[in-house]
Amino acid sequence: MNELKINQIEVKSILSKSNLPACEYSVNPYVGCPHACKYCYASFMKRFTGHSEVWGTFIDVKHWKELKHPEKYKDIELFISSVTDPYNPQEETYERTRTILTQLKGSGAKISIATKSDLILRDLELIKSFPDARISWSINTLDENFRKDMDKAVSIERRLDAMKIFYQAGVRTTCFISPIFPQITDVKAIIERVKSQCNLIWLENLNLRSGYKTVIMEYIQKNYPQLVPLYHEIYDCKDYSYWKSLDNELQAYAAEIGLDYVINDDSMTRPFDALPLLVNFFYHEKIKKNPKQI
């Protein structure tokens, strides 16, 4: 097992203008991520940071000058983090995420945080001080063995427990069922498990591109050989039939259990006590940036 290489770096700014649909700035307190998810799209960051190490074996801890005039970010959408987990294990020591949240406290900035960790519980009260803060946890299985095959983050139960605590504390929470592995991820079981402890449920298909396509296809060949024809059909032949079928199935299921179901809708303005909204992001090419939404 490769030892994690930790670097500390100085950066000019911790906020970067973003083209993501749901934010104006992205905030990444770290480069790299020790979760080492086999399917991580953020591994492309190696091309821009000079790292040659295997993804998941390095992390750069960012240091920046104290944020000047944080009030200028009032009502601005900030996403923490787009290419790393802001609550990776090193955050417990270096507190870079806590630092930027502290610098932004009282600014009126609107923050969204994506994580696979329960370390975020440490900052619950700080996060509650932001207007309409939104927290999402990525969960794509209830099978701990499959989870261990895919990432080194905390267990699914720890993520679910943290989600419940935030939800009960009045913070808007999202269960991000992503990435959905065809015929492996039991989407309905996850929905049933989380529907009473979150405001939104996002659904995202497994996209295979770049270097990790080979990693995943080899994993399927070794561990789920019966699914090789399906994965070949989806990821080599570019056949979208599976996702269209799953889309229809989940739409019917949502109606059956009384949940709303929409496609590529990033609105989060629903009342806090409403039943969760299922949002299908299978069709990424249809997502357009609209700063007036959220």
Protein backbone atom coordinates (compact mmCIF):
# COMPACT_ATOMS: atom_id res chain seq x y z
CA MET A 1 0.00 0.00 0.00
CA ASN A 2 1.39 3.41 -0.99
CA GLU A 3 2.09 5.82 1.84
CA LEU A 4 0.23 9.11 1.56
CA LYS A 5 2.51 11.95 0.51
CA ILE A 6 1.53 15.25 2.16
CA ASN A 7 2.74 18.58 0.78
CA GLN A 8 1.98 22.05 2.12
CA ILE A 9 1.67 24.74 -0.54
CA GLU A 10 1.02 28.48 -0.72
CA VAL A 11 -1.73 29.67 -3.08
CA LYS A 12 -2.73 33.17 -4.12
CA SER A 13 -6.43 32.54 -3.71
CA ILE A 14 -8.64 29.79 -2.37
CA LEU A 15 -11.66 30.83 -4.47
CA SER A 16 -11.78 30.04 -8.19
CA LYS A 17 -14.37 31.21 -10.71
CA SER A 18 -16.46 28.21 -11.72
CA ASN A 19 -18.42 27.08 -14.75
CA LEU A 20 -20.35 24.52 -12.74
CA PRO A 21 -24.14 24.90 -13.04
CA ALA A 22 -24.81 25.48 -9.35
CA CYS A 23 -22.08 27.86 -8.19
CA GLU A 24 -20.10 30.95 -9.08
CA TYR A 25 -16.93 29.98 -7.22
CA SER A 26 -15.40 26.66 -6.30
CA VAL A 27 -13.37 26.30 -3.12
CA ASN A 28 -10.86 23.45 -2.88
CA PRO A 29 -8.74 23.60 0.30
CA TYR A 30 -6.70 20.62 -0.89
CA VAL A 31 -5.25 19.18 -4.08
CA GLY A 32 -5.68 15.43 -4.36
CA CYS A 33 -7.79 13.20 -2.14
CA PRO A 34 -6.82 10.23 0.05
CA HIS A 35 -10.21 8.56 -0.47
CA ALA A 36 -8.68 7.17 -3.69
CA CYS A 37 -12.07 6.45 -5.29
CA LYS A 38 -11.51 4.15 -8.26
CA TYR A 39 -14.04 6.12 -10.33
CA CYS A 40 -12.90 9.62 -9.36
CA TYR A 41 -13.27 12.11 -12.22
CA ALA A 42 -11.01 14.55 -10.33
CA SER A 43 -7.97 12.43 -11.09
CA PHE A 44 -7.56 14.63 -14.20
CA MET A 45 -6.17 17.28 -11.81
CA LYS A 46 -2.82 15.51 -11.95
CA ARG A 47 -2.28 17.06 -15.40
CA PHE A 48 -2.41 20.57 -13.94
CA THR A 49 -0.56 20.09 -10.66
CA GLY A 50 2.60 18.31 -11.72
CA HIS A 51 1.83 15.17 -9.73
CA SER A 52 2.94 11.87 -11.22
CA GLU A 53 1.90 9.81 -8.22
CA VAL A 54 -1.03 7.42 -8.27
CA TRP A 55 -4.30 9.24 -7.57
CA GLY A 56 -5.15 8.90 -3.90
CA THR A 57 -1.53 8.70 -2.72
CA PHE A 58 -0.85 12.43 -2.42
CA ILE A 59 -2.50 15.50 -1.00
CA ASP A 60 -1.45 19.15 -1.15
CA VAL A 61 -2.55 21.19 1.85
CA LYS A 62 -3.30 24.74 0.70
CA HIS A 63 -2.40 27.87 2.65
CA TRP A 64 -3.61 31.32 1.63
CA LYS A 65 -3.68 34.84 2.97
CA GLU A 66 -6.71 35.67 5.05
CA LEU A 67 -9.70 36.46 2.88
CA LYS A 68 -10.13 40.21 2.44
CA HIS A 69 -13.60 41.73 2.41
CA PRO A 70 -15.54 38.45 2.71
CA GLU A 71 -18.73 40.52 2.67
CA LYS A 72 -18.34 40.88 -1.10
CA TYR A 73 -19.42 37.25 -1.38
CA LYS A 74 -22.86 37.98 0.09
CA ASP A 75 -25.48 35.94 -1.80
CA ILE A 76 -22.73 34.40 -3.96
CA GLU A 77 -22.80 30.62 -4.47
CA LEU A 78 -19.63 28.88 -3.26
CA PHE A 79 -19.11 25.14 -3.75
CA ILE A 80 -16.77 23.33 -1.34
CA SER A 81 -15.27 21.21 -2.97
CA SER A 82 -15.37 20.34 -6.65
CA VAL A 83 -12.20 18.23 -6.99
CA THR A 84 -11.41 17.01 -3.47
CA ASP A 85 -13.18 16.05 -0.27
CA PRO A 86 -12.93 19.04 2.08
CA TYR A 87 -13.33 16.70 5.06
CA ASN A 88 -10.64 14.18 4.23
CA PRO A 89 -8.79 12.74 7.26
CA GLN A 90 -6.04 15.38 6.99
CA GLU A 91 -8.62 18.11 7.63
CA GLU A 92 -8.70 16.99 11.26
CA THR A 93 -5.09 18.16 11.59
CA TYR A 94 -4.76 21.04 9.13
CA GLU A 95 -8.29 22.53 9.40
CA ARG A 96 -8.12 24.23 6.01
CA THR A 97 -11.85 23.81 5.37
CA ARG A 98 -12.67 25.08 8.83
CA THR A 99 -10.35 28.03 8.18
CA ILE A 100 -12.13 29.18 5.03
CA LEU A 101 -15.53 28.71 6.67
CA THR A 102 -14.37 30.81 9.63
CA GLN A 103 -13.10 33.53 7.28
CA LEU A 104 -16.44 33.55 5.46
CA LYS A 105 -18.62 33.45 8.58
CA GLY A 106 -21.06 36.34 8.66
CA SER A 107 -20.39 37.26 5.03
CA GLY A 108 -23.78 36.10 3.79
CA ALA A 109 -22.16 33.77 1.26
CA LYS A 110 -24.20 30.75 0.22
CA ILE A 111 -22.25 27.54 0.64
CA SER A 112 -22.67 24.01 -0.64
CA ILE A 113 -20.39 21.27 0.65
CA ALA A 114 -19.92 17.80 -0.85
CA THR A 115 -18.28 15.08 1.23
CA LYS A 116 -18.02 11.38 2.02
CA SER A 117 -17.05 12.03 5.61
CA ASP A 118 -18.56 12.45 9.04
CA LEU A 119 -15.72 14.75 10.16
CA ILE A 120 -18.03 17.52 8.96
CA LEU A 121 -19.96 17.04 12.22
CA ARG A 122 -17.14 18.95 13.92
CA ASP A 123 -18.24 22.09 12.05
CA LEU A 124 -22.01 21.70 12.37
CA GLU A 125 -22.55 24.89 14.36
CA LEU A 126 -20.24 26.89 12.10
CA ILE A 127 -22.02 25.64 8.98
CA LYS A 128 -25.43 26.44 10.50
CA SER A 129 -24.37 30.09 10.69
CA PHE A 130 -24.50 30.35 6.88
CA PRO A 131 -27.83 31.17 5.22
CA ASP A 132 -29.36 28.10 3.56
CA ALA A 133 -26.19 26.01 3.79
CA ARG A 134 -26.44 22.78 1.80
CA ILE A 135 -24.53 19.57 2.48
CA SER A 136 -24.39 16.46 0.30
CA TRP A 137 -23.04 12.99 0.99
CA SER A 138 -22.09 10.63 -1.83
CA ILE A 139 -23.53 7.16 -1.31
CA ASN A 140 -23.75 4.67 -4.16
CA THR A 141 -24.15 1.42 -2.23
CA LEU A 142 -25.35 -0.03 1.06
CA ASP A 143 -22.93 -2.93 0.61
CA GLU A 144 -19.87 -2.22 2.72
CA ASN A 145 -17.75 -4.74 0.83
CA PHE A 146 -18.38 -2.98 -2.47
CA ARG A 147 -17.77 0.37 -0.81
CA LYS A 148 -14.36 -0.83 0.42
CA ASP A 149 -13.52 -1.94 -3.10
CA MET A 150 -14.32 1.53 -4.43
CA ASP A 151 -13.02 4.02 -1.85
CA LYS A 152 -11.14 4.57 1.41
CA ALA A 153 -13.64 7.00 2.89
CA VAL A 154 -15.63 6.30 6.05
CA SER A 155 -18.31 3.63 6.12
CA ILE A 156 -21.73 4.13 4.61
CA GLU A 157 -23.35 4.00 8.05
CA ARG A 158 -21.14 6.81 9.31
CA ARG A 159 -22.14 8.93 6.31
CA LEU A 160 -25.82 8.18 6.86
CA ASP A 161 -25.56 9.01 10.56
CA ALA A 162 -23.92 12.35 9.79
CA MET A 163 -26.60 13.12 7.20
CA LYS A 164 -29.33 12.44 9.72
CA ILE A 165 -27.75 14.68 12.36
CA PHE A 166 -27.45 17.58 9.90
CA TYR A 167 -31.00 17.07 8.69
CA GLN A 168 -32.37 17.03 12.23
CA ALA A 169 -30.35 20.18 12.96
CA GLY A 170 -32.23 22.00 10.21
CA VAL A 171 -29.49 22.03 7.57
CA ARG A 172 -30.56 21.28 4.00
CA THR A 173 -29.15 17.86 3.15
CA THR A 174 -28.70 15.87 -0.05
CA CYS A 175 -28.05 12.20 -0.64
CA PHE A 176 -26.03 12.02 -3.83
CA ILE A 177 -26.48 8.51 -5.23
CA SER A 178 -23.40 8.63 -7.39
CA PRO A 179 -22.02 7.06 -9.37
CA ILE A 180 -24.70 4.49 -10.07
CA PHE A 181 -23.01 1.26 -11.18
CA PRO A 182 -25.29 -0.58 -13.62
CA GLN A 183 -26.82 -3.68 -11.99
CA ILE A 184 -24.69 -3.15 -8.85
CA THR A 185 -26.04 0.00 -7.20
CA ASP A 186 -29.45 -0.70 -5.65
CA VAL A 187 -30.91 2.76 -6.11
CA LYS A 188 -34.31 1.95 -4.65
CA ALA A 189 -32.79 0.50 -1.48
CA ILE A 190 -30.74 3.66 -0.95
CA ILE A 191 -33.77 5.89 -1.55
CA GLU A 192 -35.78 3.88 0.96
CA ARG A 193 -32.96 4.22 3.49
CA VAL A 194 -32.50 7.99 3.18
CA LYS A 195 -35.88 9.44 2.20
CA SER A 196 -36.73 10.39 5.79
CA GLN A 197 -33.43 12.14 6.51
CA CYS A 198 -32.69 14.38 3.54
CA ASN A 199 -34.28 17.11 1.44
CA LEU A 200 -32.93 16.08 -1.94
CA ILE A 201 -31.83 12.86 -3.59
CA TRP A 202 -29.62 13.28 -6.62
CA LEU A 203 -29.08 10.44 -9.07
CA GLU A 204 -26.01 10.30 -11.30
CA ASN A 205 -24.90 7.59 -13.68
CA LEU A 206 -21.41 6.11 -13.76
CA ASN A 207 -19.44 7.91 -16.45
CA LEU A 208 -16.27 6.18 -17.60
CA ARG A 209 -13.63 8.26 -19.25
CA SER A 210 -9.92 8.96 -19.01
CA GLY A 211 -7.59 6.51 -17.27
CA TYR A 212 -10.05 5.11 -14.77
CA LYS A 213 -12.24 3.49 -17.43
CA THR A 214 -9.68 0.70 -17.69
CA VAL A 215 -9.56 0.34 -13.90
CA ILE A 216 -13.33 -0.04 -13.60
CA MET A 217 -13.70 -2.36 -16.58
CA GLU A 218 -10.98 -4.62 -15.19
CA TYR A 219 -12.73 -4.59 -11.81
CA ILE A 220 -16.02 -5.65 -13.43
CA GLN A 221 -14.26 -8.38 -15.39
CA LYS A 222 -12.74 -9.77 -12.20
CA ASN A 223 -15.60 -9.34 -9.74
CA TYR A 224 -18.78 -9.26 -11.87
CA PRO A 225 -17.95 -11.20 -15.04
CA GLN A 226 -21.65 -11.73 -15.76
CA LEU A 227 -21.98 -7.94 -16.23
CA VAL A 228 -19.18 -7.60 -18.77
CA PRO A 229 -21.55 -7.69 -21.78
CA LEU A 230 -23.71 -4.95 -20.26
CA TYR A 231 -20.74 -2.71 -19.44
CA HIS A 232 -19.33 -3.28 -22.93
CA GLU A 233 -22.68 -2.26 -24.40
CA ILE A 234 -22.86 0.90 -22.28
CA TYR A 235 -19.25 2.06 -22.20
CA ASP A 236 -17.75 0.73 -25.42
CA CYS A 237 -20.76 0.80 -27.72
CA LYS A 238 -22.22 3.97 -26.17
CA ASP A 239 -25.68 2.45 -25.92
CA TYR A 240 -27.88 4.58 -23.62
CA SER A 241 -30.72 2.07 -23.38
CA TYR A 242 -29.86 0.99 -19.84
CA TRP A 243 -30.02 4.53 -18.47
CA LYS A 244 -33.26 5.31 -20.29
CA SER A 245 -34.79 2.15 -18.84
CA LEU A 246 -33.56 2.97 -15.32
CA ASP A 247 -34.85 6.51 -15.71
CA ASN A 248 -38.34 5.20 -16.52
CA GLU A 249 -38.20 2.66 -13.70
CA LEU A 250 -37.20 5.25 -11.09
CA GLN A 251 -39.78 7.72 -12.31
CA ALA A 252 -42.48 5.10 -11.77
CA TYR A 253 -41.01 4.17 -8.39
CA ALA A 254 -40.97 7.80 -7.25
CA ALA A 255 -44.64 8.16 -8.15
CA GLU A 256 -45.39 4.95 -6.27
CA ILE A 257 -43.80 6.18 -3.03
CA GLY A 258 -45.03 9.76 -3.38
CA LEU A 259 -41.83 11.60 -4.30
CA ASP A 260 -41.41 14.21 -7.03
CA TYR A 261 -39.05 13.27 -9.84
CA VAL A 262 -37.36 15.71 -12.20
CA ILE A 263 -34.47 15.66 -14.69
CA ASN A 264 -31.46 17.98 -14.48
CA ASP A 265 -33.20 20.45 -12.14
CA ASP A 266 -30.82 22.03 -9.64
CA SER A 267 -33.47 24.02 -7.78
CA MET A 268 -33.15 23.77 -4.01
CA THR A 269 -35.89 26.16 -3.01
CA ARG A 270 -38.32 23.56 -1.73
CA PRO A 271 -39.64 23.95 1.83
CA PHE A 272 -37.41 22.24 4.36
CA ASP A 273 -40.15 19.93 5.60
CA ALA A 274 -41.25 18.79 2.13
CA LEU A 275 -40.73 15.21 0.99
CA PRO A 276 -37.37 14.79 -0.75
CA LEU A 277 -37.11 15.53 -4.43
CA LEU A 278 -35.46 12.98 -6.73
CA VAL A 279 -33.28 14.68 -9.33
CA ASN A 280 -31.93 12.65 -12.23
CA PHE A 281 -28.60 13.86 -13.62
CA PHE A 282 -28.16 11.01 -16.11
CA TYR A 283 -28.31 13.47 -18.99
CA HIS A 284 -25.32 15.73 -18.33
CA GLU A 285 -25.29 17.20 -21.81
CA LYS A 286 -28.60 18.91 -21.03
CA ILE A 287 -27.31 20.70 -17.95
CA LYS A 288 -26.87 24.41 -18.54
CA LYS A 289 -25.44 26.98 -16.18
CA ASN A 290 -28.15 29.25 -14.88
CA PRO A 291 -27.00 31.53 -12.06
CA LYS A 292 -30.58 32.56 -11.37
CA GLN A 293 -31.43 29.04 -10.23
CA ILE A 294 -30.74 27.47 -6.80
